[in-house]
PDB file of N, CA and C in Angstrom:
ATOM      1  N   MET A   1      80.852  66.659  57.733  1.00  0.00           N
ATOM      2  CA  MET A   1      80.365  65.135  57.941  1.00  0.00           C
ATOM      3  C   MET A   1      80.765  64.955  59.405  1.00  0.00           C
ATOM      4  N   LEU A   2      79.805  64.407  60.260  1.00  0.00           N
ATOM      5  CA  LEU A   2      79.744  64.037  61.559  1.00  0.00           C
ATOM      6  C   LEU A   2      79.908  62.579  62.010  1.00  0.00           C
ATOM      7  N   LEU A   3      81.245  62.236  62.621  1.00  0.00           N
ATOM      8  CA  LEU A   3      81.472  60.849  62.719  1.00  0.00           C
ATOM      9  C   LEU A   3      81.184  60.641  64.633  1.00  0.00           C
ATOM     10  N   LEU A   4      80.232  59.462  63.810  1.00  0.00           N
ATOM     11  CA  LEU A   4      80.078  58.516  65.671  1.00  0.00           C
ATOM     12  C   LEU A   4      80.707  57.880  66.060  1.00  0.00           C
ATOM     13  N   PRO A   5      81.119  58.174  67.716  1.00  0.00           N
ATOM     14  CA  PRO A   5      82.115  57.720  68.341  1.00  0.00           C
ATOM     15  C   PRO A   5      82.303  55.907  68.269  1.00  0.00           C
ATOM     16  N   ALA A   6      83.169  55.178  68.100  1.00  0.00           N
ATOM     17  CA  ALA A   6      82.869  53.900  67.905  1.00  0.00           C
ATOM     18  C   ALA A   6      82.289  52.943  68.821  1.00  0.00           C
ATOM     19  N   THR A   7      82.090  53.643  70.408  1.00  0.00           N
ATOM     20  CA  THR A   7      81.438  52.954  71.313  1.00  0.00           C
ATOM     21  C   THR A   7      79.746  54.369  71.639  1.00  0.00           C
ATOM     22  N   VAL A   8      78.723  53.498  71.306  1.00  0.00           N
ATOM     23  CA  VAL A   8      77.765  54.174  71.757  1.00  0.00           C
ATOM     24  C   VAL A   8      76.646  53.485  73.044  1.00  0.00           C
ATOM     25  N   THR A   9      76.455  53.520  73.745  1.00  0.00           N
ATOM     26  CA  THR A   9      75.974  52.729  74.666  1.00  0.00           C
ATOM     27  C   THR A   9      75.066  53.912  75.589  1.00  0.00           C
ATOM     28  N   VAL A  10      74.370  53.241  76.562  1.00  0.00           N
ATOM     29  CA  VAL A  10      73.597  54.164  77.728  1.00  0.00           C
ATOM     30  C   VAL A  10      74.368  55.100  78.417  1.00  0.00           C
ATOM     31  N   HIS A  11      75.792  55.105  78.690  1.00  0.00           N
ATOM     32  CA  HIS A  11      76.916  55.665  79.091  1.00  0.00           C
ATOM     33  C   HIS A  11      77.075  56.502  78.211  1.00  0.00           C
ATOM     34  N   GLU A  12      77.207  56.617  76.907  1.00  0.00           N
ATOM     35  CA  GLU A  12      77.856  57.773  75.954  1.00  0.00           C
ATOM     36  C   GLU A  12      76.696  58.100  75.130  1.00  0.00           C
ATOM     37  N   ALA A  13      75.207  57.994  75.728  1.00  0.00           N
ATOM     38  CA  ALA A  13      74.550  58.713  74.864  1.00  0.00           C
ATOM     39  C   ALA A  13      74.205  60.094  75.286  1.00  0.00           C
ATOM     40  N   ASN A  14      74.328  60.652  75.994  1.00  0.00           N
ATOM     41  CA  ASN A  14      73.858  61.831  76.301  1.00  0.00           C
ATOM     42  C   ASN A  14      75.417  62.677  75.794  1.00  0.00           C
ATOM     43  N   ASP A  15      76.140  62.594  76.010  1.00  0.00           N
ATOM     44  CA  ASP A  15      77.484  62.946  74.951  1.00  0.00           C
ATOM     45  C   ASP A  15      77.158  63.051  73.510  1.00  0.00           C
ATOM     46  N   THR A  16      76.804  62.098  73.563  1.00  0.00           N
ATOM     47  CA  THR A  16      76.632  61.665  71.694  1.00  0.00           C
ATOM     48  C   THR A  16      75.550  62.723  71.224  1.00  0.00           C
ATOM     49  N   LEU A  17      74.327  62.684  71.660  1.00  0.00           N
ATOM     50  CA  LEU A  17      73.507  63.541  71.376  1.00  0.00           C
ATOM     51  C   LEU A  17      73.903  65.191  71.656  1.00  0.00           C
ATOM     52  N   GLN A  18      74.789  65.677  72.610  1.00  0.00           N
ATOM     53  CA  GLN A  18      75.241  66.668  72.713  1.00  0.00           C
ATOM     54  C   GLN A  18      75.665  67.095  71.556  1.00  0.00           C
ATOM     55  N   MET A  19      76.871  66.323  71.127  1.00  0.00           N
ATOM     56  CA  MET A  19      78.118  66.434  70.124  1.00  0.00           C
ATOM     57  C   MET A  19      77.120  66.957  68.744  1.00  0.00           C
ATOM     58  N   LEU A  20      76.060  65.615  68.583  1.00  0.00           N
ATOM     59  CA  LEU A  20      75.230  65.986  66.931  1.00  0.00           C
ATOM     60  C   LEU A  20      74.406  67.191  67.701  1.00  0.00           C
ATOM     61  N   THR A  21      73.824  67.852  68.456  1.00  0.00           N
ATOM     62  CA  THR A  21      73.416  69.072  68.633  1.00  0.00           C
ATOM     63  C   THR A  21      73.799  69.874  68.057  1.00  0.00           C
ATOM     64  N   GLN A  22      75.454  70.233  68.865  1.00  0.00           N
ATOM     65  CA  GLN A  22      76.263  71.256  68.704  1.00  0.00           C
ATOM     66  C   GLN A  22      76.740  71.597  67.233  1.00  0.00           C
ATOM     67  N   ALA A  23      76.972  70.247  66.583  1.00  0.00           N
ATOM     68  CA  ALA A  23      77.323  70.578  65.147  1.00  0.00           C
ATOM     69  C   ALA A  23      75.641  71.103  64.628  1.00  0.00           C
ATOM     70  N   LEU A  24      74.811  70.413  64.711  1.00  0.00           N
ATOM     71  CA  LEU A  24      73.486  70.861  63.738  1.00  0.00           C
ATOM     72  C   LEU A  24      73.380  72.538  63.862  1.00  0.00           C
ATOM     73  N   ARG A  25      73.783  72.990  65.421  1.00  0.00           N
ATOM     74  CA  ARG A  25      73.826  74.599  65.037  1.00  0.00           C
ATOM     75  C   ARG A  25      74.643  75.044  64.332  1.00  0.00           C
ATOM     76  N   ARG A  26      75.885  74.442  63.934  1.00  0.00           N
ATOM     77  CA  ARG A  26      76.909  75.106  63.317  1.00  0.00           C
ATOM     78  C   ARG A  26      76.883  74.793  61.853  1.00  0.00           C
ATOM     79  N   GLU A  27      76.304  73.531  61.425  1.00  0.00           N
ATOM     80  CA  GLU A  27      75.615  73.744  60.272  1.00  0.00           C
ATOM     81  C   GLU A  27      75.138  74.729  59.188  1.00  0.00           C
ATOM     82  N   ALA A  28      75.869  75.241  58.599  1.00  0.00           N
ATOM     83  CA  ALA A  28      75.031  76.089  57.550  1.00  0.00           C
ATOM     84  C   ALA A  28      74.064  75.346  56.528  1.00  0.00           C
ATOM     85  N   GLY A  29      74.543  74.414  56.058  1.00  0.00           N
ATOM     86  CA  GLY A  29      73.991  73.470  54.701  1.00  0.00           C
ATOM     87  C   GLY A  29      72.672  72.984  55.331  1.00  0.00           C
ATOM     88  N   ALA A  30      72.207  72.291  54.024  1.00  0.00           N
ATOM     89  CA  ALA A  30      70.597  71.807  54.230  1.00  0.00           C
ATOM     90  C   ALA A  30      70.619  70.186  54.801  1.00  0.00           C
ATOM     91  N   ARG A  31      71.312  70.069  54.959  1.00  0.00           N
ATOM     92  CA  ARG A  31      71.723  68.596  55.348  1.00  0.00           C
ATOM     93  C   ARG A  31      72.604  68.371  56.479  1.00  0.00           C
ATOM     94  N   LEU A  32      72.681  67.531  57.524  1.00  0.00           N
ATOM     95  CA  LEU A  32      73.707  66.970  58.377  1.00  0.00           C
ATOM     96  C   LEU A  32      73.595  65.812  58.507  1.00  0.00           C
ATOM     97  N   VAL A  33      74.969  65.255  57.894  1.00  0.00           N
ATOM     98  CA  VAL A  33      75.510  63.909  57.473  1.00  0.00           C
ATOM     99  C   VAL A  33      76.461  63.679  58.406  1.00  0.00           C
ATOM    100  N   VAL A  34      75.815  61.888  59.182  1.00  0.00           N
ATOM    101  CA  VAL A  34      76.496  61.399  60.052  1.00  0.00           C
ATOM    102  C   VAL A  34      77.112  60.037  59.668  1.00  0.00           C
ATOM    103  N   ASP A  35      78.221  59.852  60.013  1.00  0.00           N
ATOM    104  CA  ASP A  35      79.131  58.630  59.603  1.00  0.00           C
ATOM    105  C   ASP A  35      78.707  57.795  60.488  1.00  0.00           C
ATOM    106  N   ALA A  36      78.540  56.664  60.554  1.00  0.00           N
ATOM    107  CA  ALA A  36      78.339  55.662  61.504  1.00  0.00           C
ATOM    108  C   ALA A  36      79.287  54.336  61.082  1.00  0.00           C
ATOM    109  N   SER A  37      80.297  54.931  60.335  1.00  0.00           N
ATOM    110  CA  SER A  37      81.211  53.582  60.224  1.00  0.00           C
ATOM    111  C   SER A  37      82.206  53.395  60.595  1.00  0.00           C
ATOM    112  N   ALA A  38      82.603  54.078  62.299  1.00  0.00           N
ATOM    113  CA  ALA A  38      83.209  53.772  63.566  1.00  0.00           C
ATOM    114  C   ALA A  38      82.418  52.794  64.276  1.00  0.00           C
ATOM    115  N   LEU A  39      81.380  53.035  64.148  1.00  0.00           N
ATOM    116  CA  LEU A  39      80.496  52.717  65.516  1.00  0.00           C
ATOM    117  C   LEU A  39      80.339  50.976  65.802  1.00  0.00           C
ATOM    118  N   ALA A  40      81.144  50.831  66.244  1.00  0.00           N
ATOM    119  CA  ALA A  40      81.498  48.955  67.042  1.00  0.00           C
ATOM    120  C   ALA A  40      80.467  48.594  67.794  1.00  0.00           C
ATOM    121  N   GLN A  41      80.424  49.365  68.942  1.00  0.00           N
ATOM    122  CA  GLN A  41      79.583  48.835  70.178  1.00  0.00           C
ATOM    123  C   GLN A  41      78.775  50.038  70.403  1.00  0.00           C
ATOM    124  N   PHE A  42      77.503  49.041  70.261  1.00  0.00           N
ATOM    125  CA  PHE A  42      76.165  50.102  70.606  1.00  0.00           C
ATOM    126  C   PHE A  42      75.088  49.161  71.269  1.00  0.00           C
ATOM    127  N   ASP A  43      74.087  50.272  71.554  1.00  0.00           N
ATOM    128  CA  ASP A  43      72.889  49.279  72.338  1.00  0.00           C
ATOM    129  C   ASP A  43      71.878  50.116  71.715  1.00  0.00           C
ATOM    130  N   SER A  44      70.674  49.909  72.017  1.00  0.00           N
ATOM    131  CA  SER A  44      69.386  50.255  71.331  1.00  0.00           C
ATOM    132  C   SER A  44      69.365  52.154  71.635  1.00  0.00           C
ATOM    133  N   SER A  45      69.997  52.171  72.457  1.00  0.00           N
ATOM    134  CA  SER A  45      70.068  54.086  73.050  1.00  0.00           C
ATOM    135  C   SER A  45      71.059  54.740  71.974  1.00  0.00           C
ATOM    136  N   VAL A  46      71.507  53.946  71.132  1.00  0.00           N
ATOM    137  CA  VAL A  46      71.837  55.058  69.656  1.00  0.00           C
ATOM    138  C   VAL A  46      71.048  55.125  68.680  1.00  0.00           C
ATOM    139  N   LEU A  47      69.712  54.026  69.129  1.00  0.00           N
ATOM    140  CA  LEU A  47      68.652  54.166  67.922  1.00  0.00           C
ATOM    141  C   LEU A  47      68.200  55.848  68.743  1.00  0.00           C
ATOM    142  N   ALA A  48      67.930  55.817  69.893  1.00  0.00           N
ATOM    143  CA  ALA A  48      67.355  57.012  70.668  1.00  0.00           C
ATOM    144  C   ALA A  48      67.933  58.152  70.120  1.00  0.00           C
ATOM    145  N   VAL A  49      69.430  58.310  70.036  1.00  0.00           N
ATOM    146  CA  VAL A  49      70.700  59.490  70.128  1.00  0.00           C
ATOM    147  C   VAL A  49      69.886  59.902  68.666  1.00  0.00           C
ATOM    148  N   LEU A  50      70.148  58.691  66.926  1.00  0.00           N
ATOM    149  CA  LEU A  50      70.025  58.965  66.337  1.00  0.00           C
ATOM    150  C   LEU A  50      68.044  59.736  66.095  1.00  0.00           C
ATOM    151  N   LEU A  51      67.326  59.428  66.857  1.00  0.00           N
ATOM    152  CA  LEU A  51      66.065  59.553  66.345  1.00  0.00           C
ATOM    153  C   LEU A  51      66.037  60.832  67.042  1.00  0.00           C
ATOM    154  N   GLU A  52      66.355  61.665  67.955  1.00  0.00           N
ATOM    155  CA  GLU A  52      66.014  62.652  68.582  1.00  0.00           C
ATOM    156  C   GLU A  52      66.878  63.317  67.716  1.00  0.00           C
ATOM    157  N   CYS A  53      68.124  63.116  67.030  1.00  0.00           N
ATOM    158  CA  CYS A  53      68.970  64.321  66.203  1.00  0.00           C
ATOM    159  C   CYS A  53      68.021  64.187  64.893  1.00  0.00           C
ATOM    160  N   ALA A  54      67.365  63.333  64.760  1.00  0.00           N
ATOM    161  CA  ALA A  54      66.537  63.289  63.482  1.00  0.00           C
ATOM    162  C   ALA A  54      65.301  64.192  63.553  1.00  0.00           C
ATOM    163  N   ARG A  55      64.884  64.203  64.488  1.00  0.00           N
ATOM    164  CA  ARG A  55      63.882  65.326  65.347  1.00  0.00           C
ATOM    165  C   ARG A  55      64.330  66.643  65.196  1.00  0.00           C
ATOM    166  N   GLN A  56      65.921  67.002  65.884  1.00  0.00           N
ATOM    167  CA  GLN A  56      65.911  68.065  65.626  1.00  0.00           C
ATOM    168  C   GLN A  56      66.715  68.976  64.465  1.00  0.00           C
ATOM    169  N   VAL A  57      66.723  68.075  63.401  1.00  0.00           N
ATOM    170  CA  VAL A  57      67.230  68.552  61.800  1.00  0.00           C
ATOM    171  C   VAL A  57      66.124  68.545  61.224  1.00  0.00           C
ATOM    172  N   LYS A  58      64.974  67.887  61.481  1.00  0.00           N
ATOM    173  CA  LYS A  58      63.431  68.083  60.712  1.00  0.00           C
ATOM    174  C   LYS A  58      62.832  69.637  61.204  1.00  0.00           C
ATOM    175  N   ALA A  59      63.259  70.013  62.543  1.00  0.00           N
ATOM    176  CA  ALA A  59      62.372  70.779  63.340  1.00  0.00           C
ATOM    177  C   ALA A  59      63.201  72.200  62.670  1.00  0.00           C
ATOM    178  N   ALA A  60      64.784  71.914  62.337  1.00  0.00           N
ATOM    179  CA  ALA A  60      65.811  73.088  61.646  1.00  0.00           C
ATOM    180  C   ALA A  60      65.369  73.166  60.161  1.00  0.00           C
ATOM    181  N   GLY A  61      64.373  72.358  59.961  1.00  0.00           N
ATOM    182  CA  GLY A  61      64.370  72.361  58.855  1.00  0.00           C
ATOM    183  C   GLY A  61      65.383  71.879  57.346  1.00  0.00           C
ATOM    184  N   LYS A  62      66.228  70.830  57.986  1.00  0.00           N
ATOM    185  CA  LYS A  62      67.401  70.469  57.056  1.00  0.00           C
ATOM    186  C   LYS A  62      66.552  68.859  56.885  1.00  0.00           C
ATOM    187  N   ARG A  63      67.593  68.137  56.462  1.00  0.00           N
ATOM    188  CA  ARG A  63      67.750  66.988  56.157  1.00  0.00           C
ATOM    189  C   ARG A  63      68.817  65.899  56.993  1.00  0.00           C
ATOM    190  N   LEU A  64      68.554  64.888  57.740  1.00  0.00           N
ATOM    191  CA  LEU A  64      69.618  64.022  58.471  1.00  0.00           C
ATOM    192  C   LEU A  64      69.749  62.694  57.414  1.00  0.00           C
ATOM    193  N   GLU A  65      71.315  62.805  56.872  1.00  0.00           N
ATOM    194  CA  GLU A  65      71.225  61.354  56.168  1.00  0.00           C
ATOM    195  C   GLU A  65      72.996  61.004  56.991  1.00  0.00           C
ATOM    196  N   VAL A  66      72.355  59.345  57.008  1.00  0.00           N
ATOM    197  CA  VAL A  66      73.572  58.720  58.084  1.00  0.00           C
ATOM    198  C   VAL A  66      73.946  57.495  57.243  1.00  0.00           C
ATOM    199  N   LEU A  67      75.267  57.417  57.211  1.00  0.00           N
ATOM    200  CA  LEU A  67      76.384  57.013  55.950  1.00  0.00           C
ATOM    201  C   LEU A  67      76.702  55.344  56.966  1.00  0.00           C
ATOM    202  N   HIS A  68      76.735  54.531  56.214  1.00  0.00           N
ATOM    203  CA  HIS A  68      77.829  53.572  56.878  1.00  0.00           C
ATOM    204  C   HIS A  68      77.335  53.220  58.169  1.00  0.00           C
ATOM    205  N   LEU A  69      75.635  52.665  58.412  1.00  0.00           N
ATOM    206  CA  LEU A  69      74.806  52.340  59.342  1.00  0.00           C
ATOM    207  C   LEU A  69      75.227  50.832  59.254  1.00  0.00           C
ATOM    208  N   PRO A  70      76.049  50.578  60.410  1.00  0.00           N
ATOM    209  CA  PRO A  70      76.319  48.443  60.427  1.00  0.00           C
ATOM    210  C   PRO A  70      75.149  47.409  60.526  1.00  0.00           C
ATOM    211  N   VAL A  71      75.186  46.662  59.918  1.00  0.00           N
ATOM    212  CA  VAL A  71      74.261  46.145  59.462  1.00  0.00           C
ATOM    213  C   VAL A  71      73.450  45.281  60.939  1.00  0.00           C
ATOM    214  N   LYS A  72      73.787  45.481  62.041  1.00  0.00           N
ATOM    215  CA  LYS A  72      73.423  44.956  63.196  1.00  0.00           C
ATOM    216  C   LYS A  72      72.414  46.338  63.592  1.00  0.00           C
ATOM    217  N   LEU A  73      73.195  47.172  63.172  1.00  0.00           N
ATOM    218  CA  LEU A  73      71.817  48.860  63.486  1.00  0.00           C
ATOM    219  C   LEU A  73      70.886  48.666  63.178  1.00  0.00           C
ATOM    220  N   ARG A  74      70.775  48.248  61.542  1.00  0.00           N
ATOM    221  CA  ARG A  74      69.883  48.445  60.437  1.00  0.00           C
ATOM    222  C   ARG A  74      68.760  47.656  61.186  1.00  0.00           C
ATOM    223  N   ALA A  75      69.336  46.418  61.610  1.00  0.00           N
ATOM    224  CA  ALA A  75      68.484  45.182  62.277  1.00  0.00           C
ATOM    225  C   ALA A  75      67.869  45.254  62.917  1.00  0.00           C
ATOM    226  N   LEU A  76      68.507  46.262  64.110  1.00  0.00           N
ATOM    227  CA  LEU A  76      68.031  46.454  65.598  1.00  0.00           C
ATOM    228  C   LEU A  76      66.960  48.084  65.138  1.00  0.00           C
ATOM    229  N   ALA A  77      66.805  48.447  64.361  1.00  0.00           N
ATOM    230  CA  ALA A  77      65.713  49.641  63.577  1.00  0.00           C
ATOM    231  C   ALA A  77      65.111  48.898  63.269  1.00  0.00           C
ATOM    232  N   ALA A  78      64.945  48.032  62.114  1.00  0.00           N
ATOM    233  CA  ALA A  78      63.894  47.157  61.832  1.00  0.00           C
ATOM    234  C   ALA A  78      63.072  47.010  62.694  1.00  0.00           C
ATOM    235  N   LEU A  79      63.786  45.936  64.045  1.00  0.00           N
ATOM    236  CA  LEU A  79      63.130  45.148  64.941  1.00  0.00           C
ATOM    237  C   LEU A  79      62.156  46.109  65.655  1.00  0.00           C
ATOM    238  N   TYR A  80      62.591  47.410  65.697  1.00  0.00           N
ATOM    239  CA  TYR A  80      61.852  48.196  66.653  1.00  0.00           C
ATOM    240  C   TYR A  80      61.116  49.239  66.210  1.00  0.00           C
ATOM    241  N   GLY A  81      60.745  48.835  64.669  1.00  0.00           N
ATOM    242  CA  GLY A  81      60.000  49.521  64.040  1.00  0.00           C
ATOM    243  C   GLY A  81      60.408  50.949  63.263  1.00  0.00           C
ATOM    244  N   VAL A  82      62.091  51.398  63.375  1.00  0.00           N
ATOM    245  CA  VAL A  82      61.998  53.080  63.084  1.00  0.00           C
ATOM    246  C   VAL A  82      62.952  52.872  62.009  1.00  0.00           C
ATOM    247  N   ALA A  83      63.487  52.133  61.065  1.00  0.00           N
ATOM    248  CA  ALA A  83      64.262  51.776  60.515  1.00  0.00           C
ATOM    249  C   ALA A  83      63.842  53.063  59.139  1.00  0.00           C
ATOM    250  N   GLU A  84      62.122  53.448  58.595  1.00  0.00           N
ATOM    251  CA  GLU A  84      62.386  54.237  57.577  1.00  0.00           C
ATOM    252  C   GLU A  84      62.620  55.859  58.877  1.00  0.00           C
ATOM    253  N   LEU A  85      62.555  56.037  59.566  1.00  0.00           N
ATOM    254  CA  LEU A  85      63.427  57.513  60.493  1.00  0.00           C
ATOM    255  C   LEU A  85      64.419  57.959  60.202  1.00  0.00           C
ATOM    256  N   LEU A  86      65.304  56.515  59.712  1.00  0.00           N
ATOM    257  CA  LEU A  86      66.844  56.679  59.544  1.00  0.00           C
ATOM    258  C   LEU A  86      66.868  56.691  58.375  1.00  0.00           C
ATOM    259  N   PRO A  87      67.378  57.758  57.488  1.00  0.00           N
ATOM    260  CA  PRO A  87      67.676  57.956  56.285  1.00  0.00           C
ATOM    261  C   PRO A  87      69.303  57.441  55.973  1.00  0.00           C
ATOM    262  N   GLU A  88      69.374  56.425  55.272  1.00  0.00           N
ATOM    263  CA  GLU A  88      70.797  56.520  55.017  1.00  0.00           C
ATOM    264  C   GLU A  88      71.234  56.629  53.700  1.00  0.00           C
ATOM    265  N   ALA A  89      72.107  57.063  53.758  1.00  0.00           N
ATOM    266  CA  ALA A  89      72.663  58.113  52.532  1.00  0.00           C
ATOM    267  C   ALA A  89      73.825  57.023  51.834  1.00  0.00           C
ATOM    268  N   VAL A  90      73.826  57.220  50.233  1.00  0.00           N
ATOM    269  CA  VAL A  90      74.858  56.395  49.754  1.00  0.00           C
ATOM    270  C   VAL A  90      75.728  56.915  49.936  1.00  0.00           C
ATOM    271  N   ALA A  91      77.203  56.469  50.455  1.00  0.00           N
ATOM    272  CA  ALA A  91      78.424  56.643  50.080  1.00  0.00           C
ATOM    273  C   ALA A  91      79.075  57.525  49.180  1.00  0.00           C
TER     274      ALA A  91
END
């Protein structure tokens, strides 16, 4: 399981995506689980990071699951019309 950092804004987005991409390459299982419980400060760039991660996971024939999406992030994803692209796993 991967933990998102506490802050993912435009300033941290590239580093966060690189971390997720590297983890995807190391993961042997059929799914990649990302825990967003530490995520406290974010902007819409975290959606871009998660959506690109989801694209990479799908291309690798795996499944992305996101745990503990903050309520405000779920609302932001719904506002942008991408909520269904971020599969939230049951903790």
